Amino acid sequence: MPNLFEFDRLYRRKKRASGSATADVRISLKPVGAKKLRVLTHVTVENQTDTTSEIRLGIHNQGEDYFLDEIKTVIAAELCVSRSDILLGEGDVFFARLSDTHDVDILVMTCVGWEQSLK
C-alpha cells in the first residue's frame, strides 16, 4: 500500500464552460491514468454570471455516474465548495453538472489536490 503522504505531484486544474439554455452543462476533468491515484482536496464550482438551480458533483466510470454532492438554488457568483476529499482511481472522471444555466453564463470549476503513481 502506498504512503498517501508521499505524493508525486500537486494537481491544479481550472476548467471553464459556457452555459446552455437547452441542456445541463457538464464540466469534466480528464480521466485518471493507469496505475495512478488522484485526490482532490478542494473543489469549487460557480456560475459567475447568473443563478443556477442545481450543481451536482460526481465521478463517471465505466458508463455510470456516481453523484457525491448536490447544491440547490445557487445565486450568481456564489462559490460552491466540496465538503470532503474526493478519491479518484484509474479511469475515474470527476465532473460538475450545472442545471438551468443560460447561453451567456460563465461557468468555472477549480480543482486542487495531488496525484500519486501506484506500483
Protein backbone atom coordinates (compact mmCIF):
# COMPACT_ATOMS: atom_id res chain seq x y z
CA MET A 1 0.00 0.00 0.00
CA PRO A 2 1.43 3.41 -0.95
CA ASN A 3 2.02 6.08 1.67
CA LEU A 4 -0.63 8.71 0.89
CA PHE A 5 1.52 11.45 2.42
CA GLU A 6 4.36 10.96 -0.08
CA PHE A 7 2.56 12.06 -3.23
CA ASP A 8 4.32 12.53 -6.59
CA ARG A 9 2.92 15.87 -7.67
CA LEU A 10 0.41 18.57 -6.86
CA TYR A 11 -2.70 18.70 -9.03
CA ARG A 12 -4.35 22.01 -10.02
CA ARG A 13 -6.90 22.49 -12.78
CA LYS A 14 -9.33 25.27 -13.66
CA LYS A 15 -11.97 24.43 -16.25
CA ARG A 16 -14.32 26.93 -17.84
CA ALA A 17 -17.51 26.44 -19.82
CA SER A 18 -20.40 28.43 -21.23
CA GLY A 19 -23.94 27.99 -20.03
CA SER A 20 -26.70 26.40 -22.10
CA ALA A 21 -30.36 27.40 -22.16
CA THR A 22 -31.36 24.00 -23.61
CA ALA A 23 -29.41 21.40 -21.57
CA ASP A 24 -27.42 20.75 -18.40
CA VAL A 25 -23.74 21.69 -18.64
CA ARG A 26 -21.13 19.15 -17.60
CA ILE A 27 -17.58 20.30 -16.78
CA SER A 28 -15.17 17.35 -16.57
CA LEU A 29 -11.54 16.63 -15.78
CA LYS A 30 -9.55 14.17 -17.88
CA PRO A 31 -9.68 10.53 -16.73
CA VAL A 32 -7.19 9.37 -14.12
CA GLY A 33 -4.39 7.46 -15.84
CA ALA A 34 -3.41 3.84 -15.38
CA LYS A 35 -1.80 2.98 -12.04
CA LYS A 36 -2.48 6.45 -10.61
CA LEU A 37 -4.38 7.83 -7.65
CA ARG A 38 -5.73 11.40 -7.65
CA VAL A 39 -7.06 13.06 -4.52
CA LEU A 40 -9.00 16.31 -4.85
CA THR A 41 -8.76 18.17 -1.55
CA HIS A 42 -10.55 21.35 -2.69
CA VAL A 43 -13.19 21.70 -5.40
CA THR A 44 -15.16 24.85 -6.16
CA VAL A 45 -17.81 25.47 -8.80
CA GLU A 46 -19.50 28.74 -9.69
CA ASN A 47 -21.73 30.39 -12.23
CA GLN A 48 -20.08 33.80 -12.38
CA THR A 49 -22.95 35.37 -14.31
CA ASP A 50 -26.38 34.26 -13.07
CA THR A 51 -28.30 31.98 -10.72
CA THR A 52 -28.24 28.20 -11.18
CA SER A 53 -30.92 25.86 -9.91
CA GLU A 54 -28.57 22.95 -9.13
CA ILE A 55 -24.90 21.95 -9.09
CA ARG A 56 -24.05 18.25 -8.69
CA LEU A 57 -20.56 16.82 -8.24
CA GLY A 58 -19.81 13.28 -9.33
CA ILE A 59 -17.49 10.61 -10.67
CA HIS A 60 -18.06 8.89 -14.00
CA ASN A 61 -16.60 5.40 -14.52
CA GLN A 62 -17.49 2.64 -16.98
CA GLY A 63 -20.73 4.26 -18.14
CA GLU A 64 -22.07 5.04 -14.66
CA ASP A 65 -22.37 8.35 -12.81
CA TYR A 66 -21.78 8.33 -9.05
CA PHE A 67 -23.05 11.57 -7.51
CA LEU A 68 -21.19 12.81 -4.43
CA ASP A 69 -22.74 16.15 -3.54
CA GLU A 70 -25.52 18.49 -4.58
CA ILE A 71 -26.19 22.18 -4.03
CA LYS A 72 -29.61 23.68 -4.82
CA THR A 73 -30.58 27.25 -5.76
CA VAL A 74 -27.16 28.83 -6.21
CA ILE A 75 -27.04 32.61 -6.60
CA ALA A 76 -24.83 34.38 -9.14
CA ALA A 77 -21.10 34.30 -8.27
CA GLU A 78 -21.72 32.05 -5.24
CA LEU A 79 -18.70 29.80 -4.74
CA CYS A 80 -19.91 26.24 -4.10
CA VAL A 81 -17.30 24.23 -2.20
CA SER A 82 -16.98 20.45 -1.86
CA ARG A 83 -17.40 19.17 1.68
CA SER A 84 -14.75 16.44 1.71
CA ASP A 85 -11.74 15.00 -0.11
CA ILE A 86 -12.56 13.10 -3.31
CA LEU A 87 -10.51 9.99 -4.16
CA LEU A 88 -10.23 9.06 -7.84
CA GLY A 89 -8.75 5.86 -9.21
CA GLU A 90 -7.79 4.57 -12.63
CA GLY A 91 -10.31 5.61 -15.30
CA ASP A 92 -12.38 7.84 -13.00
CA VAL A 93 -13.60 11.13 -14.47
CA PHE A 94 -14.57 13.84 -11.98
CA PHE A 95 -17.31 16.25 -13.11
CA ALA A 96 -19.67 19.03 -12.09
CA ARG A 97 -23.12 19.19 -13.67
CA LEU A 98 -24.93 22.54 -13.66
CA SER A 99 -28.65 22.84 -14.35
CA ASP A 100 -30.68 25.83 -15.52
CA THR A 101 -27.89 27.96 -16.94
CA HIS A 102 -28.08 30.44 -19.83
CA ASP A 103 -26.05 30.68 -23.05
CA VAL A 104 -24.12 33.75 -21.84
CA ASP A 105 -23.24 32.34 -18.39
CA ILE A 106 -19.58 31.86 -17.47
CA LEU A 107 -19.10 28.63 -15.50
CA VAL A 108 -15.89 27.77 -13.62
CA MET A 109 -14.74 24.62 -11.82
CA THR A 110 -11.47 24.69 -9.85
CA CYS A 111 -9.86 21.50 -8.51
CA VAL A 112 -6.80 21.30 -6.24
CA GLY A 113 -5.17 18.20 -4.80
CA TRP A 114 -2.39 15.73 -5.56
CA GLU A 115 -1.54 12.64 -7.59
CA GLN A 116 0.47 9.56 -6.84
CA SER A 117 1.72 6.74 -9.03
CA LEU A 118 0.82 3.27 -7.82
CA LYS A 119 3.35 0.49 -8.20
